[in-house]
Structure formats: structure tokens, C-alpha cells
Amino acid sequence: MEIQYATKADLEKVVPLFQGYLQFYGRQFEEQEVVTFIKKRLTNDDAIILYAEHEGKAIGFTQLYPSFSSLALKRAYILNDLFVEESHRKLGAARALMKEAFVFCEQMGAAYITLETHPDNVAAQKLYEDIGMQRDDEYWHYTKEFK
């Protein structure tokens, strides 16, 4: 398994994975909307997209969004998306993607990487804890959605 850093040239590999991710969460968008979204992230350098290849096929991805930590006076990263095609789970792709995300963040001198997951996603929680992440019970996250 190889982990690659996506560029605009990798759209045809990343877009189907991102569509699978959206479908997993019950979201439907036209393919062109997804292409435009991913292309903008890569063109504007406002996301880092890593993807896993197994036997020459892209099977999973993760997307990091840069942020900042005012308390650390450093860059931070939000791991916003992590997805592996169902037919390729249990091969270690998610773990490999996460580990490469950690390497990237360390190389960038980041203060931390953060993510959120649904309380029912026990498999993901086990992975995160296995690779050294800690659940934050100190702070509560609040969200306001805009339509």
C-alpha cells in the first residue's frame, strides 16, 4: 500500500472516493459539484488530500484543513475526512493514511491535529486511540449550521 499526496492531476482518483464518503454520510451532490470542490481545495492550497493506493487502485483518502492555534502560536490541522472503500477495509489503509497525516503535521511544525467522529463510530474510535490520539472530554464542541 502506498500513500500519495493528491494534486490536481489526481482528481480522477480522489473524486470517486470523495463521492463514496459523501454517500456514506447520506449526502448527494452532482459529480461536477464534487469535482469543483476538490479542484478548488487543491488549486487554492487550502487542503491537503492524501490517498491510499492498493494494487494500483485508489481505495481511501483523508483530507486535512489548515488552521491555527492561538495558544501555541502555531499551525494546527483539522482532519476533516477519512474514508476507505468498504471492499478494501481491514487492509490498514485508514491507519496508513492517519500515520502519514501525522508525519505531515510534524514536518509542518503543527501544534496538533484534531478530528471529530460520531459517538457510534466505535471502529474509528479504536483506530484513533490505537495510534495515540486522545479523546478530549474537557471541551465541548458547539456547531451552528448555515443553509
C-alpha atoms as a PDB file:
ATOM      1  CA  MET A   1       0.000   0.000   0.000  1.00  0.00           C
ATOM      2  CA  GLU A   2       1.243   3.455  -0.902  1.00  0.00           C
ATOM      3  CA  ILE A   3       0.112   6.821   0.436  1.00  0.00           C
ATOM      4  CA  GLN A   4       0.176   9.665  -2.091  1.00  0.00           C
ATOM      5  CA  TYR A   5      -0.286  13.416  -1.793  1.00  0.00           C
ATOM      6  CA  ALA A   6      -3.042  14.428  -4.217  1.00  0.00           C
ATOM      7  CA  THR A   7      -2.543  17.069  -6.879  1.00  0.00           C
ATOM      8  CA  LYS A   8      -4.975  18.375  -9.495  1.00  0.00           C
ATOM      9  CA  ALA A   9      -3.732  15.570 -11.741  1.00  0.00           C
ATOM     10  CA  ASP A  10      -5.227  13.065  -9.261  1.00  0.00           C
ATOM     11  CA  LEU A  11      -8.823  14.318  -9.473  1.00  0.00           C
ATOM     12  CA  GLU A  12      -9.990  11.160 -11.267  1.00  0.00           C
ATOM     13  CA  LYS A  13      -8.675   9.101  -8.333  1.00  0.00           C
ATOM     14  CA  VAL A  14      -9.875  11.311  -5.486  1.00  0.00           C
ATOM     15  CA  VAL A  15     -13.350  12.344  -6.723  1.00  0.00           C
ATOM     16  CA  PRO A  16     -14.871   8.814  -6.665  1.00  0.00           C
ATOM     17  CA  LEU A  17     -13.527   8.318  -3.145  1.00  0.00           C
ATOM     18  CA  PHE A  18     -14.978  11.635  -2.028  1.00  0.00           C
ATOM     19  CA  GLN A  19     -18.319  10.696  -3.593  1.00  0.00           C
ATOM     20  CA  GLY A  20     -18.232   7.421  -1.647  1.00  0.00           C
ATOM     21  CA  TYR A  21     -17.542   9.382   1.521  1.00  0.00           C
ATOM     22  CA  LEU A  22     -20.492  11.695   0.851  1.00  0.00           C
ATOM     23  CA  GLN A  23     -22.784   8.735   0.144  1.00  0.00           C
ATOM     24  CA  PHE A  24     -21.641   7.072   3.384  1.00  0.00           C
ATOM     25  CA  TYR A  25     -22.970  10.150   5.204  1.00  0.00           C
ATOM     26  CA  GLY A  26     -26.172  10.272   3.144  1.00  0.00           C
ATOM     27  CA  ARG A  27     -25.187  13.311   1.089  1.00  0.00           C
ATOM     28  CA  GLN A  28     -25.804  13.517  -2.647  1.00  0.00           C
ATOM     29  CA  PHE A  29     -24.207  16.016  -4.996  1.00  0.00           C
ATOM     30  CA  GLU A  30     -23.782  16.173  -8.730  1.00  0.00           C
ATOM     31  CA  GLU A  31     -20.385  14.881  -9.836  1.00  0.00           C
ATOM     32  CA  GLN A  32     -19.387  18.279 -11.226  1.00  0.00           C
ATOM     33  CA  GLU A  33     -20.039  19.905  -7.834  1.00  0.00           C
ATOM     34  CA  VAL A  34     -17.700  17.384  -6.210  1.00  0.00           C
ATOM     35  CA  VAL A  35     -15.045  17.886  -8.914  1.00  0.00           C
ATOM     36  CA  THR A  36     -15.247  21.661  -8.475  1.00  0.00           C
ATOM     37  CA  PHE A  37     -14.993  21.401  -4.691  1.00  0.00           C
ATOM     38  CA  ILE A  38     -11.953  19.100  -4.708  1.00  0.00           C
ATOM     39  CA  LYS A  39     -10.279  21.038  -7.529  1.00  0.00           C
ATOM     40  CA  LYS A  40     -10.651  24.301  -5.573  1.00  0.00           C
ATOM     41  CA  ARG A  41      -9.166  22.743  -2.440  1.00  0.00           C
ATOM     42  CA  LEU A  42      -6.110  21.614  -4.377  1.00  0.00           C
ATOM     43  CA  THR A  43      -5.807  24.752  -6.526  1.00  0.00           C
ATOM     44  CA  ASN A  44      -6.113  27.140  -3.591  1.00  0.00           C
ATOM     45  CA  ASP A  45      -3.801  25.082  -1.362  1.00  0.00           C
ATOM     46  CA  ASP A  46      -6.380  25.169   1.400  1.00  0.00           C
ATOM     47  CA  ALA A  47      -6.437  21.406   1.932  1.00  0.00           C
ATOM     48  CA  ILE A  48      -4.032  18.515   1.977  1.00  0.00           C
ATOM     49  CA  ILE A  49      -5.523  15.389   0.471  1.00  0.00           C
ATOM     50  CA  LEU A  50      -3.768  12.079   0.941  1.00  0.00           C
ATOM     51  CA  TYR A  51      -4.953   8.936  -0.782  1.00  0.00           C
ATOM     52  CA  ALA A  52      -4.104   5.259  -0.387  1.00  0.00           C
ATOM     53  CA  GLU A  53      -3.368   3.054  -3.357  1.00  0.00           C
ATOM     54  CA  HIS A  54      -3.519  -0.711  -3.194  1.00  0.00           C
ATOM     55  CA  GLU A  55      -2.508  -2.756  -6.236  1.00  0.00           C
ATOM     56  CA  GLY A  56      -2.662   0.383  -8.387  1.00  0.00           C
ATOM     57  CA  LYS A  57      -6.174   1.419  -7.277  1.00  0.00           C
ATOM     58  CA  ALA A  58      -7.078   4.389  -5.076  1.00  0.00           C
ATOM     59  CA  ILE A  59      -9.006   2.885  -2.158  1.00  0.00           C
ATOM     60  CA  GLY A  60      -9.180   5.581   0.512  1.00  0.00           C
ATOM     61  CA  PHE A  61      -8.395   9.183   1.353  1.00  0.00           C
ATOM     62  CA  THR A  62      -8.124  11.711   4.111  1.00  0.00           C
ATOM     63  CA  GLN A  63      -8.389  15.485   3.899  1.00  0.00           C
ATOM     64  CA  LEU A  64      -6.684  17.930   6.232  1.00  0.00           C
ATOM     65  CA  TYR A  65      -7.626  21.570   6.567  1.00  0.00           C
ATOM     66  CA  PRO A  66      -5.054  24.001   7.941  1.00  0.00           C
ATOM     67  CA  SER A  67      -5.943  26.046  10.987  1.00  0.00           C
ATOM     68  CA  PHE A  68      -4.037  27.824  13.732  1.00  0.00           C
ATOM     69  CA  SER A  69      -3.605  27.502  17.475  1.00  0.00           C
ATOM     70  CA  SER A  70      -3.564  30.908  19.147  1.00  0.00           C
ATOM     71  CA  LEU A  71      -2.494  29.328  22.432  1.00  0.00           C
ATOM     72  CA  ALA A  72       0.502  27.602  20.833  1.00  0.00           C
ATOM     73  CA  LEU A  73       1.237  30.311  18.250  1.00  0.00           C
ATOM     74  CA  LYS A  74       1.494  27.579  15.622  1.00  0.00           C
ATOM     75  CA  ARG A  75      -0.304  25.986  12.718  1.00  0.00           C
ATOM     76  CA  ALA A  76      -2.780  23.207  13.506  1.00  0.00           C
ATOM     77  CA  TYR A  77      -4.680  20.814  11.255  1.00  0.00           C
ATOM     78  CA  ILE A  78      -8.229  19.543  11.200  1.00  0.00           C
ATOM     79  CA  LEU A  79      -8.574  16.030   9.858  1.00  0.00           C
ATOM     80  CA  ASN A  80     -11.983  16.576   8.348  1.00  0.00           C
ATOM     81  CA  ASP A  81     -12.497  13.472   6.213  1.00  0.00           C
ATOM     82  CA  LEU A  82     -11.300   9.876   6.365  1.00  0.00           C
ATOM     83  CA  PHE A  83     -12.768   7.217   4.111  1.00  0.00           C
ATOM     84  CA  VAL A  84     -11.815   3.781   2.808  1.00  0.00           C
ATOM     85  CA  GLU A  85     -13.941   1.913   0.286  1.00  0.00           C
ATOM     86  CA  GLU A  86     -15.896  -0.802   2.062  1.00  0.00           C
ATOM     87  CA  SER A  87     -14.439  -3.542  -0.156  1.00  0.00           C
ATOM     88  CA  HIS A  88     -10.915  -2.552   0.909  1.00  0.00           C
ATOM     89  CA  ARG A  89     -11.356  -2.103   4.638  1.00  0.00           C
ATOM     90  CA  LYS A  90      -9.234  -4.155   7.030  1.00  0.00           C
ATOM     91  CA  LEU A  91      -6.125  -3.698   4.845  1.00  0.00           C
ATOM     92  CA  GLY A  92      -4.709  -0.957   7.073  1.00  0.00           C
ATOM     93  CA  ALA A  93      -5.421   1.929   4.683  1.00  0.00           C
ATOM     94  CA  ALA A  94      -7.047   4.161   7.322  1.00  0.00           C
ATOM     95  CA  ARG A  95      -4.150   3.574   9.715  1.00  0.00           C
ATOM     96  CA  ALA A  96      -1.598   4.293   6.967  1.00  0.00           C
ATOM     97  CA  LEU A  97      -3.423   7.487   5.968  1.00  0.00           C
ATOM     98  CA  MET A  98      -3.546   8.654   9.583  1.00  0.00           C
ATOM     99  CA  LYS A  99       0.127   7.922  10.162  1.00  0.00           C
ATOM    100  CA  GLU A 100       1.129   9.870   7.045  1.00  0.00           C
ATOM    101  CA  ALA A 101      -1.108  12.747   8.196  1.00  0.00           C
ATOM    102  CA  PHE A 102       0.815  12.732  11.490  1.00  0.00           C
ATOM    103  CA  VAL A 103       4.149  12.783   9.643  1.00  0.00           C
ATOM    104  CA  PHE A 104       2.977  15.708   7.526  1.00  0.00           C
ATOM    105  CA  CYS A 105       1.808  17.685  10.570  1.00  0.00           C
ATOM    106  CA  GLU A 106       5.070  17.067  12.416  1.00  0.00           C
ATOM    107  CA  GLN A 107       7.068  18.172   9.375  1.00  0.00           C
ATOM    108  CA  MET A 108       4.991  21.359   9.206  1.00  0.00           C
ATOM    109  CA  GLY A 109       5.680  22.094  12.884  1.00  0.00           C
ATOM    110  CA  ALA A 110       1.999  21.883  13.768  1.00  0.00           C
ATOM    111  CA  ALA A 111       0.843  22.187  17.353  1.00  0.00           C
ATOM    112  CA  TYR A 112      -1.724  19.411  16.899  1.00  0.00           C
ATOM    113  CA  ILE A 113      -4.088  17.571  14.615  1.00  0.00           C
ATOM    114  CA  THR A 114      -7.716  17.236  15.617  1.00  0.00           C
ATOM    115  CA  LEU A 115     -10.765  15.397  14.351  1.00  0.00           C
ATOM    116  CA  GLU A 116     -14.261  14.542  15.389  1.00  0.00           C
ATOM    117  CA  THR A 117     -16.239  11.364  14.966  1.00  0.00           C
ATOM    118  CA  HIS A 118     -19.728  10.171  15.724  1.00  0.00           C
ATOM    119  CA  PRO A 119     -20.125   8.523  19.147  1.00  0.00           C
ATOM    120  CA  ASP A 120     -21.417   5.358  17.415  1.00  0.00           C
ATOM    121  CA  ASN A 121     -18.317   5.019  15.207  1.00  0.00           C
ATOM    122  CA  VAL A 122     -16.561   2.600  17.553  1.00  0.00           C
ATOM    123  CA  ALA A 123     -14.229   1.193  14.875  1.00  0.00           C
ATOM    124  CA  ALA A 124     -12.863   4.662  14.112  1.00  0.00           C
ATOM    125  CA  GLN A 125     -12.507   5.467  17.812  1.00  0.00           C
ATOM    126  CA  LYS A 126     -10.485   2.282  18.335  1.00  0.00           C
ATOM    127  CA  LEU A 127      -8.168   3.216  15.465  1.00  0.00           C
ATOM    128  CA  TYR A 128      -7.668   6.753  16.763  1.00  0.00           C
ATOM    129  CA  GLU A 129      -6.852   5.519  20.255  1.00  0.00           C
ATOM    130  CA  ASP A 130      -4.561   2.763  18.893  1.00  0.00           C
ATOM    131  CA  ILE A 131      -2.440   5.363  17.070  1.00  0.00           C
ATOM    132  CA  GLY A 132      -2.081   7.621  20.096  1.00  0.00           C
ATOM    133  CA  MET A 133      -4.936  10.102  19.786  1.00  0.00           C
ATOM    134  CA  GLN A 134      -6.815  11.069  22.924  1.00  0.00           C
ATOM    135  CA  ARG A 135     -10.462  11.915  23.239  1.00  0.00           C
ATOM    136  CA  ASP A 136     -10.994  15.409  24.611  1.00  0.00           C
ATOM    137  CA  ASP A 137     -13.541  15.301  27.401  1.00  0.00           C
ATOM    138  CA  GLU A 138     -12.560  18.750  28.675  1.00  0.00           C
ATOM    139  CA  TYR A 139     -14.084  20.882  25.926  1.00  0.00           C
ATOM    140  CA  TRP A 140     -17.489  20.651  24.339  1.00  0.00           C
ATOM    141  CA  HIS A 141     -17.893  21.496  20.702  1.00  0.00           C
ATOM    142  CA  TYR A 142     -20.791  23.638  19.557  1.00  0.00           C
ATOM    143  CA  THR A 143     -21.983  23.994  15.983  1.00  0.00           C
ATOM    144  CA  LYS A 144     -24.301  26.324  14.153  1.00  0.00           C
ATOM    145  CA  GLU A 145     -25.134  25.277  10.618  1.00  0.00           C
ATOM    146  CA  PHE A 146     -25.891  27.794   7.924  1.00  0.00           C
ATOM    147  CA  LYS A 147     -28.033  26.901   4.957  1.00  0.00           C
END
